Amino acid sequence: MNLGFGDALLVVGVLLAVAAALSGLMRGTVLSISVLSVVAGIVLAETGVVSVTATSPGIVDVIELALILTLFSDGLFVERELLRLHWGPVTRAIVVAMPITLGLLALIGHSLFGDLSWAEAFLLAAVLTPTDPVVTSTVVTAQRVPAIVRHTLNLESGLNDGLALPFVLFFLALAGPAGDAGTEAAKVLGEAAFGAVVGVLVGIVGGRLHHYLPGGGITRRYEGIYAVGFGLAAFGLADVTIGNGLIAAFVAGIAMGASEHEIPEAFVDFAENASAVSQVITFFIFGALIVATGYIGEIWRLAIFIVLALVLARPVAIMISLVRSRLPGPQKAFIAWFGPKGVASMLFALFVLKSAVDQGELIFDIAAFTILCSIVAHGLTDTVGASWIERQMHRREQAEPEPASQDVSDRIVG
């Protein structure tokens, strides 16, 4: 049935309360809030309690808002010193691994699904290329996971969300009626560049202005709101002009964090709460959408694609990109596995579903079930993975004692 406003608030309120109440129980286990949220969406949709479609009012807006908050908060948490010292793995993951992942996913998709043209296969690949650390929050927040690994995964996910969008838009236009590759390439490149400029300007203004506000400045309880306001403004300014709003939001976070270190510290609690709320709602909606769309193709093709997408495409691409890197083997393997699909891929898949692409529904279905399996697989292995990397690094330290005079950061920068 379709829910009214009160019914929707009842469902969301109960879901948020239950997720929060069980967070302590799930911490340290193989369960996660994302898995719980998706399962709740599937169960309630299957039982007819909720009815959600891709064209339901506000669905895309809710998911896009969650993506904006995620990108902006990721940007705020980028530490300039850590970025300068540990630039290698992140650069490799973006410049080398991301294009390889895109190519492998397109090749797998085109080989398994004959109805997809090459442009549509690359569109599917672009939808599934971004990663999302929200699914594996235990990984990016656990102190037992090496800082370089947490930083690489967190910054990579923040960057590839924004950087994947131009590819999605490009292949969306190419796969649509009368696609013009040259014109679209110039368009998306210009939008990305302008969005980055907007993000830098808004972020710097927001950070520097913090010291010159009347009345002694912002009270501490409102600093998080102040920061989010500039993040949303950066997205809006780029979006209503000629820029990429998502890239603008992420760059604004980096620029604000770099120009004013106090804002990221004050923003932590607010960002965590806002991200938690958007995460629960977004994954719940996505679970309901899975039921609404279903899949009418051959299951074995879908199953093979999902397995290859999760255990071959990104892991192989990351391992290739980290060849001759100074990162220890366990850290390379850890980064290679933890590339979950999440909010960005959900939003991009919805864009495709609502587009004029001939095989848009098939692309959405494939992407939807791949994202679902990724949420489950990565969500169930985040705590286990954190324990594994801790044991591996402890054994390595015992087997190879480090000279007291050697700086650890000098050894692991790739």
Protein backbone atom coordinates (compact mmCIF):
# COMPACT_ATOMS: atom_id res chain seq x y z
CA MET A 1 0.00 0.00 0.00
CA ASN A 2 1.05 3.62 -0.44
CA LEU A 3 1.97 5.28 2.83
CA GLY A 4 0.67 8.64 3.94
CA PHE A 5 2.91 11.16 5.65
CA GLY A 6 2.10 9.89 9.13
CA ASP A 7 2.51 6.26 8.09
CA ALA A 8 5.87 7.03 6.50
CA LEU A 9 7.10 8.78 9.63
CA LEU A 10 5.93 5.82 11.71
CA VAL A 11 7.92 3.36 9.60
CA VAL A 12 11.02 5.55 9.43
CA GLY A 13 10.83 6.42 13.12
CA VAL A 14 10.56 2.79 14.21
CA LEU A 15 13.36 1.82 11.81
CA LEU A 16 15.70 4.52 13.14
CA ALA A 17 14.89 3.68 16.75
CA VAL A 18 15.45 -0.05 16.23
CA ALA A 19 18.68 0.55 14.32
CA ALA A 20 20.00 2.78 17.09
CA ALA A 21 18.84 0.40 19.83
CA LEU A 22 20.62 -2.55 18.20
CA SER A 23 23.80 -0.66 17.29
CA GLY A 24 25.56 -1.75 20.47
CA LEU A 25 24.56 -5.36 19.94
CA MET A 26 25.73 -5.34 16.32
CA ARG A 27 29.05 -3.67 17.07
CA GLY A 28 31.72 -6.33 17.14
CA THR A 29 29.55 -8.80 15.19
CA VAL A 30 29.19 -9.59 11.50
CA LEU A 31 25.93 -7.61 11.37
CA SER A 32 25.64 -3.99 10.30
CA ILE A 33 23.04 -1.22 10.18
CA SER A 34 23.13 -1.22 6.38
CA VAL A 35 22.24 -4.92 6.21
CA LEU A 36 19.44 -4.42 8.74
CA SER A 37 18.04 -1.47 6.78
CA VAL A 38 18.05 -3.26 3.44
CA VAL A 39 16.44 -6.37 4.93
CA ALA A 40 13.75 -4.23 6.56
CA GLY A 41 12.97 -2.58 3.23
CA ILE A 42 12.75 -5.94 1.45
CA VAL A 43 10.55 -7.53 4.14
CA LEU A 44 8.11 -4.62 4.39
CA ALA A 45 7.85 -4.35 0.60
CA GLU A 46 7.32 -8.11 0.20
CA THR A 47 4.56 -8.09 2.83
CA GLY A 48 2.85 -5.13 1.21
CA VAL A 49 3.38 -2.73 4.10
CA VAL A 50 5.25 -0.27 1.88
CA SER A 51 5.15 0.32 -1.85
CA VAL A 52 8.04 2.21 -3.43
CA THR A 53 8.90 2.80 -7.08
CA ALA A 54 11.68 4.72 -8.76
CA THR A 55 9.18 7.37 -9.76
CA SER A 56 7.80 7.83 -6.23
CA PRO A 57 7.99 11.50 -5.18
CA GLY A 58 11.15 12.40 -3.33
CA ILE A 59 12.98 9.08 -3.77
CA VAL A 60 15.81 10.47 -5.88
CA ASP A 61 15.96 13.59 -3.71
CA VAL A 62 16.40 11.53 -0.53
CA ILE A 63 19.21 9.46 -2.02
CA GLU A 64 20.89 12.50 -3.58
CA LEU A 65 20.82 14.34 -0.24
CA ALA A 66 22.45 11.34 1.43
CA LEU A 67 25.15 11.37 -1.25
CA ILE A 68 25.78 15.10 -0.82
CA LEU A 69 26.16 14.74 2.96
CA THR A 70 28.49 11.78 2.50
CA LEU A 71 30.68 13.58 -0.02
CA PHE A 72 30.89 16.78 1.99
CA SER A 73 31.69 15.02 5.26
CA ASP A 74 34.31 12.88 3.49
CA GLY A 75 35.94 16.06 2.24
CA LEU A 76 35.92 17.63 5.70
CA PHE A 77 37.68 14.65 7.21
CA VAL A 78 40.57 14.71 4.76
CA GLU A 79 43.65 15.53 6.77
CA ARG A 80 46.16 17.62 4.82
CA GLU A 81 49.14 16.11 6.57
CA LEU A 82 47.98 12.53 6.05
CA LEU A 83 47.07 13.26 2.44
CA ARG A 84 50.53 14.71 1.81
CA LEU A 85 52.33 11.78 3.45
CA HIS A 86 50.11 9.02 2.10
CA TRP A 87 49.28 10.22 -1.39
CA GLY A 88 50.50 7.08 -3.16
CA PRO A 89 47.77 4.48 -2.51
CA VAL A 90 44.94 6.95 -3.00
CA THR A 91 46.36 8.24 -6.29
CA ARG A 92 46.93 4.69 -7.53
CA ALA A 93 43.38 3.68 -6.60
CA ILE A 94 41.87 6.63 -8.47
CA VAL A 95 44.17 7.05 -11.48
CA VAL A 96 44.94 3.37 -12.18
CA ALA A 97 42.43 1.10 -10.43
CA MET A 98 39.28 3.07 -11.22
CA PRO A 99 39.68 2.96 -15.05
CA ILE A 100 40.67 -0.72 -14.89
CA THR A 101 37.60 -1.50 -12.79
CA LEU A 102 35.43 0.39 -15.26
CA GLY A 103 36.86 -1.54 -18.20
CA LEU A 104 36.60 -4.95 -16.53
CA LEU A 105 33.00 -4.39 -15.43
CA ALA A 106 32.04 -3.24 -18.94
CA LEU A 107 33.71 -6.30 -20.51
CA ILE A 108 31.97 -8.66 -18.07
CA GLY A 109 28.61 -6.97 -18.57
CA HIS A 110 28.81 -6.96 -22.37
CA SER A 111 29.91 -10.61 -22.43
CA LEU A 112 27.13 -11.85 -20.17
CA PHE A 113 24.25 -9.67 -21.31
CA GLY A 114 23.98 -9.67 -25.07
CA ASP A 115 21.19 -7.09 -25.08
CA LEU A 116 23.58 -4.44 -23.79
CA SER A 117 25.46 -2.35 -26.33
CA TRP A 118 29.03 -1.32 -25.51
CA ALA A 119 27.81 2.11 -24.45
CA GLU A 120 25.21 0.52 -22.14
CA ALA A 121 27.79 -1.92 -20.77
CA PHE A 122 30.10 0.98 -19.90
CA LEU A 123 27.12 2.81 -18.39
CA LEU A 124 26.49 -0.20 -16.13
CA ALA A 125 30.19 -0.24 -15.24
CA ALA A 126 30.19 3.48 -14.43
CA VAL A 127 27.19 3.00 -12.13
CA LEU A 128 29.01 0.26 -10.19
CA THR A 129 32.50 1.78 -10.10
CA PRO A 130 32.07 4.07 -7.04
CA THR A 131 32.66 2.68 -3.57
CA ASP A 132 30.97 3.59 -0.31
CA PRO A 133 32.63 3.28 3.13
CA VAL A 134 29.29 3.84 4.87
CA VAL A 135 28.50 0.17 4.22
CA THR A 136 31.66 -0.83 6.08
CA SER A 137 31.72 1.86 8.75
CA THR A 138 33.53 -0.51 11.10
CA VAL A 139 36.48 -0.55 8.72
CA VAL A 140 36.94 3.20 8.29
CA THR A 141 36.49 3.97 11.99
CA ALA A 142 38.27 1.03 13.66
CA GLN A 143 41.58 2.10 15.18
CA ARG A 144 42.90 -1.46 14.83
CA VAL A 145 42.84 -1.01 11.05
CA PRO A 146 46.06 0.78 9.97
CA ALA A 147 45.57 4.52 9.44
CA ILE A 148 46.87 4.39 5.88
CA VAL A 149 44.27 1.74 4.99
CA ARG A 150 41.41 3.66 6.58
CA HIS A 151 42.52 6.88 4.94
CA THR A 152 42.90 5.26 1.51
CA LEU A 153 39.45 3.67 1.58
CA ASN A 154 37.74 6.78 2.93
CA LEU A 155 39.38 9.26 0.57
CA GLU A 156 39.08 6.94 -2.43
CA SER A 157 35.34 6.57 -1.86
CA GLY A 158 34.90 10.32 -1.51
CA LEU A 159 36.80 10.99 -4.70
CA ASN A 160 35.37 8.25 -6.88
CA ASP A 161 31.77 9.20 -6.08
CA GLY A 162 32.26 12.61 -7.64
CA LEU A 163 34.62 11.45 -10.37
CA ALA A 164 32.31 8.62 -11.45
CA LEU A 165 29.40 10.97 -12.09
CA PRO A 166 30.88 12.53 -15.27
CA PHE A 167 31.39 9.01 -16.66
CA VAL A 168 27.79 8.10 -15.82
CA LEU A 169 26.51 11.22 -17.55
CA PHE A 170 28.79 10.67 -20.53
CA PHE A 171 27.74 7.06 -21.15
CA LEU A 172 24.13 7.95 -20.36
CA ALA A 173 24.19 10.42 -23.25
CA LEU A 174 26.17 8.03 -25.45
CA ALA A 175 23.73 5.16 -24.84
CA GLY A 176 20.70 7.38 -25.37
CA PRO A 177 19.21 8.50 -28.66
CA ALA A 178 21.73 10.19 -31.01
CA GLY A 179 24.61 10.19 -28.53
CA ASP A 180 27.45 12.58 -29.39
CA ALA A 181 30.59 11.45 -27.57
CA GLY A 182 32.69 14.50 -28.33
CA THR A 183 30.09 17.05 -27.26
CA GLU A 184 29.17 15.12 -24.12
CA ALA A 185 32.81 14.64 -23.12
CA ALA A 186 33.43 18.37 -23.33
CA LYS A 187 30.24 19.06 -21.40
CA VAL A 188 30.92 16.73 -18.46
CA LEU A 189 34.55 17.81 -18.25
CA GLY A 190 33.51 21.43 -18.09
CA GLU A 191 30.89 20.70 -15.45
CA ALA A 192 33.40 18.82 -13.31
CA ALA A 193 36.00 21.57 -13.58
CA PHE A 194 33.52 24.34 -12.80
CA GLY A 195 32.11 22.31 -9.90
CA ALA A 196 35.60 21.96 -8.44
CA VAL A 197 36.20 25.71 -8.73
CA VAL A 198 32.89 26.43 -7.01
CA GLY A 199 33.77 23.97 -4.26
CA VAL A 200 37.15 25.57 -3.63
CA LEU A 201 35.73 29.09 -3.48
CA VAL A 202 32.76 28.24 -1.25
CA GLY A 203 34.87 26.08 1.04
CA ILE A 204 37.58 28.69 1.53
CA VAL A 205 35.05 31.45 2.10
CA GLY A 206 33.21 29.32 4.66
CA GLY A 207 36.39 28.41 6.48
CA ARG A 208 38.00 31.85 6.52
CA LEU A 209 34.77 33.70 7.31
CA HIS A 210 34.45 31.67 10.49
CA HIS A 211 36.95 33.96 12.26
CA TYR A 212 35.33 37.24 11.27
CA LEU A 213 31.67 36.77 12.13
CA PRO A 214 29.96 39.29 14.41
CA GLY A 215 29.13 38.59 18.04
CA GLY A 216 32.26 36.59 18.74
CA GLY A 217 31.60 34.04 16.01
CA ILE A 218 29.40 30.95 15.88
CA THR A 219 28.47 29.16 19.08
CA ARG A 220 29.90 25.67 19.12
CA ARG A 221 26.53 23.93 18.87
CA TYR A 222 25.88 25.61 15.50
CA GLU A 223 29.28 25.03 13.86
CA GLY A 224 28.15 21.75 12.38
CA ILE A 225 25.08 23.41 10.89
CA TYR A 226 27.30 26.22 9.57
CA ALA A 227 29.54 23.72 7.83
CA VAL A 228 26.67 21.74 6.31
CA GLY A 229 25.13 24.98 5.10
CA PHE A 230 28.20 25.77 3.03
CA GLY A 231 28.33 22.20 1.72
CA LEU A 232 24.74 22.40 0.52
CA ALA A 233 25.34 25.89 -0.87
CA ALA A 234 28.32 24.63 -2.88
CA PHE A 235 26.20 21.87 -4.39
CA GLY A 236 23.34 24.26 -5.11
CA LEU A 237 25.52 26.97 -6.65
CA ALA A 238 27.20 24.51 -8.99
CA ASP A 239 23.95 22.76 -9.82
CA VAL A 240 22.00 25.88 -10.74
CA THR A 241 24.84 27.18 -12.92
CA ILE A 242 26.95 24.93 -15.12
CA GLY A 243 28.83 22.82 -12.59
CA ASN A 244 28.82 19.33 -11.11
CA GLY A 245 27.18 19.77 -7.70
CA LEU A 246 28.49 16.53 -6.21
CA ILE A 247 32.09 17.38 -7.03
CA ALA A 248 31.49 20.90 -5.69
CA ALA A 249 30.23 19.49 -2.37
CA PHE A 250 33.23 17.19 -1.94
CA VAL A 251 35.81 19.83 -2.90
CA ALA A 252 34.08 22.35 -0.62
CA GLY A 253 34.56 19.94 2.28
CA ILE A 254 38.27 19.57 1.55
CA ALA A 255 38.73 23.33 1.11
CA MET A 256 36.85 24.16 4.30
CA GLY A 257 38.74 21.55 6.30
CA ALA A 258 42.05 22.82 4.97
CA SER A 259 41.29 26.47 5.72
CA GLU A 260 39.69 25.98 9.15
CA HIS A 261 40.61 22.94 11.22
CA GLU A 262 38.15 23.68 14.02
CA ILE A 263 35.11 23.11 11.81
CA PRO A 264 35.81 19.44 11.04
CA GLU A 265 36.29 18.74 14.75
CA ALA A 266 33.00 20.40 15.67
CA PHE A 267 31.28 18.74 12.73
CA VAL A 268 32.07 15.16 13.78
CA ASP A 269 29.02 14.46 15.93
CA PHE A 270 26.63 16.26 13.61
CA ALA A 271 28.04 14.51 10.54
CA GLU A 272 27.85 11.09 12.14
CA ASN A 273 24.22 11.59 13.15
CA ALA A 274 23.19 13.03 9.78
CA SER A 275 25.01 10.26 7.91
CA ALA A 276 23.45 7.58 10.12
CA VAL A 277 19.94 8.87 9.49
CA SER A 278 20.44 9.20 5.72
CA GLN A 279 22.11 5.78 5.60
CA VAL A 280 19.24 3.99 7.31
CA ILE A 281 16.56 5.69 5.20
CA THR A 282 18.46 5.26 1.92
CA PHE A 283 19.20 1.58 2.38
CA PHE A 284 15.63 0.96 3.50
CA ILE A 285 14.26 2.62 0.36
CA PHE A 286 16.66 0.68 -1.80
CA GLY A 287 15.58 -2.61 -0.26
CA ALA A 288 11.97 -1.77 -1.10
CA LEU A 289 12.97 -0.79 -4.67
CA ILE A 290 14.62 -4.18 -5.18
CA VAL A 291 11.27 -5.83 -4.56
CA ALA A 292 9.42 -3.35 -6.79
CA THR A 293 11.66 -3.84 -9.84
CA GLY A 294 12.58 -7.52 -9.51
CA TYR A 295 14.60 -9.31 -12.19
CA ILE A 296 13.13 -11.15 -15.17
CA GLY A 297 16.35 -12.20 -16.91
CA GLU A 298 18.37 -15.40 -16.58
CA ILE A 299 19.45 -15.77 -12.98
CA TRP A 300 22.70 -17.58 -13.79
CA ARG A 301 23.96 -14.64 -15.84
CA LEU A 302 23.15 -12.24 -13.03
CA ALA A 303 24.83 -14.50 -10.47
CA ILE A 304 28.03 -14.79 -12.51
CA PHE A 305 28.13 -11.04 -13.07
CA ILE A 306 27.72 -10.31 -9.35
CA VAL A 307 30.45 -12.75 -8.35
CA LEU A 308 32.88 -11.42 -10.96
CA ALA A 309 32.02 -7.80 -10.12
CA LEU A 310 32.73 -8.29 -6.42
CA VAL A 311 35.64 -10.73 -6.36
CA LEU A 312 37.38 -10.00 -9.66
CA ALA A 313 36.90 -6.51 -11.11
CA ARG A 314 37.89 -4.22 -8.22
CA PRO A 315 40.27 -6.64 -6.43
CA VAL A 316 42.26 -7.25 -9.61
CA ALA A 317 42.30 -3.56 -10.47
CA ILE A 318 43.50 -2.57 -6.99
CA MET A 319 46.19 -5.25 -6.88
CA ILE A 320 47.47 -4.11 -10.29
CA SER A 321 47.47 -0.47 -9.19
CA LEU A 322 49.43 -1.31 -6.03
CA VAL A 323 52.18 -3.28 -7.78
CA ARG A 324 55.56 -2.12 -6.47
CA SER A 325 53.82 -0.19 -3.73
CA ARG A 326 55.43 -0.30 -0.30
CA LEU A 327 52.19 -1.38 1.32
CA PRO A 328 52.40 -4.83 2.94
CA GLY A 329 50.51 -7.64 1.25
CA PRO A 330 47.71 -7.88 3.84
CA GLN A 331 46.98 -4.17 3.49
CA LYS A 332 46.80 -4.46 -0.30
CA ALA A 333 44.39 -7.40 -0.02
CA PHE A 334 42.29 -5.54 2.54
CA ILE A 335 41.96 -2.44 0.34
CA ALA A 336 41.23 -4.63 -2.70
CA TRP A 337 38.30 -6.40 -1.04
CA PHE A 338 36.64 -3.49 0.72
CA GLY A 339 35.17 -1.60 -2.20
CA PRO A 340 31.44 -1.86 -1.40
CA LYS A 341 28.76 -0.41 -3.62
CA GLY A 342 26.41 1.99 -1.87
CA VAL A 343 24.62 5.32 -1.99
CA ALA A 344 26.34 6.69 -5.11
CA SER A 345 25.64 3.57 -7.15
CA MET A 346 22.03 3.60 -5.98
CA LEU A 347 21.56 7.17 -7.16
CA PHE A 348 23.29 6.54 -10.49
CA ALA A 349 21.17 3.42 -11.06
CA LEU A 350 18.03 5.48 -10.48
CA PHE A 351 19.26 8.05 -13.00
CA VAL A 352 19.58 5.28 -15.58
CA LEU A 353 16.15 3.82 -14.76
CA LYS A 354 14.48 7.19 -15.35
CA SER A 355 16.45 7.90 -18.55
CA ALA A 356 15.66 7.22 -22.22
CA VAL A 357 18.27 4.45 -22.51
CA ASP A 358 16.76 1.37 -24.23
CA GLN A 359 18.09 -1.11 -21.67
CA GLY A 360 17.78 1.23 -18.70
CA GLU A 361 15.58 -1.15 -16.71
CA LEU A 362 17.94 -4.07 -17.29
CA ILE A 363 20.92 -1.95 -16.22
CA PHE A 364 19.06 -0.90 -13.08
CA ASP A 365 18.12 -4.48 -12.23
CA ILE A 366 21.67 -5.75 -12.65
CA ALA A 367 23.09 -2.86 -10.66
CA ALA A 368 20.44 -3.17 -7.94
CA PHE A 369 21.12 -6.82 -7.18
CA THR A 370 24.87 -6.27 -7.39
CA ILE A 371 24.61 -3.45 -4.86
CA LEU A 372 22.40 -5.60 -2.63
CA CYS A 373 24.89 -8.48 -2.67
CA SER A 374 27.74 -6.05 -2.05
CA ILE A 375 25.97 -4.55 0.96
CA VAL A 376 25.46 -8.01 2.41
CA ALA A 377 28.93 -9.38 1.57
CA HIS A 378 30.91 -6.33 2.67
CA GLY A 379 28.61 -5.54 5.56
CA LEU A 380 29.01 -9.05 6.94
CA THR A 381 32.80 -9.02 6.60
CA ASP A 382 33.74 -5.57 7.91
CA THR A 383 34.21 -6.60 11.55
CA VAL A 384 35.82 -9.90 10.54
CA GLY A 385 38.11 -8.06 8.15
CA ALA A 386 39.15 -5.53 10.79
CA SER A 387 40.10 -8.38 13.13
CA TRP A 388 41.97 -10.15 10.33
CA ILE A 389 44.09 -7.15 9.35
CA GLU A 390 44.89 -6.50 12.99
CA ARG A 391 46.17 -10.07 13.42
CA GLN A 392 48.11 -9.96 10.16
CA MET A 393 49.86 -6.71 11.00
CA HIS A 394 50.61 -7.92 14.54
CA ARG A 395 52.23 -11.08 13.16
CA ARG A 396 54.20 -9.02 10.67
CA GLU A 397 55.49 -6.74 13.39
CA GLN A 398 56.55 -9.73 15.48
CA ALA A 399 58.26 -11.40 12.53
CA GLU A 400 60.00 -8.25 11.31
CA PRO A 401 60.90 -5.94 14.21
CA GLU A 402 61.19 -2.36 13.02
CA PRO A 403 64.30 -0.28 13.69
CA ALA A 404 63.57 2.33 16.32
CA SER A 405 64.89 5.11 14.10
CA GLN A 406 62.71 4.29 11.11
CA ASP A 407 59.52 6.26 10.59
CA VAL A 408 56.63 3.92 9.82
CA SER A 409 55.05 6.40 7.44
CA ASP A 410 58.20 6.38 5.32
CA ARG A 411 57.86 2.63 4.81
CA ILE A 412 54.25 2.36 3.80
CA VAL A 413 53.80 5.27 1.47
CA GLY A 414 53.35 3.86 -2.04
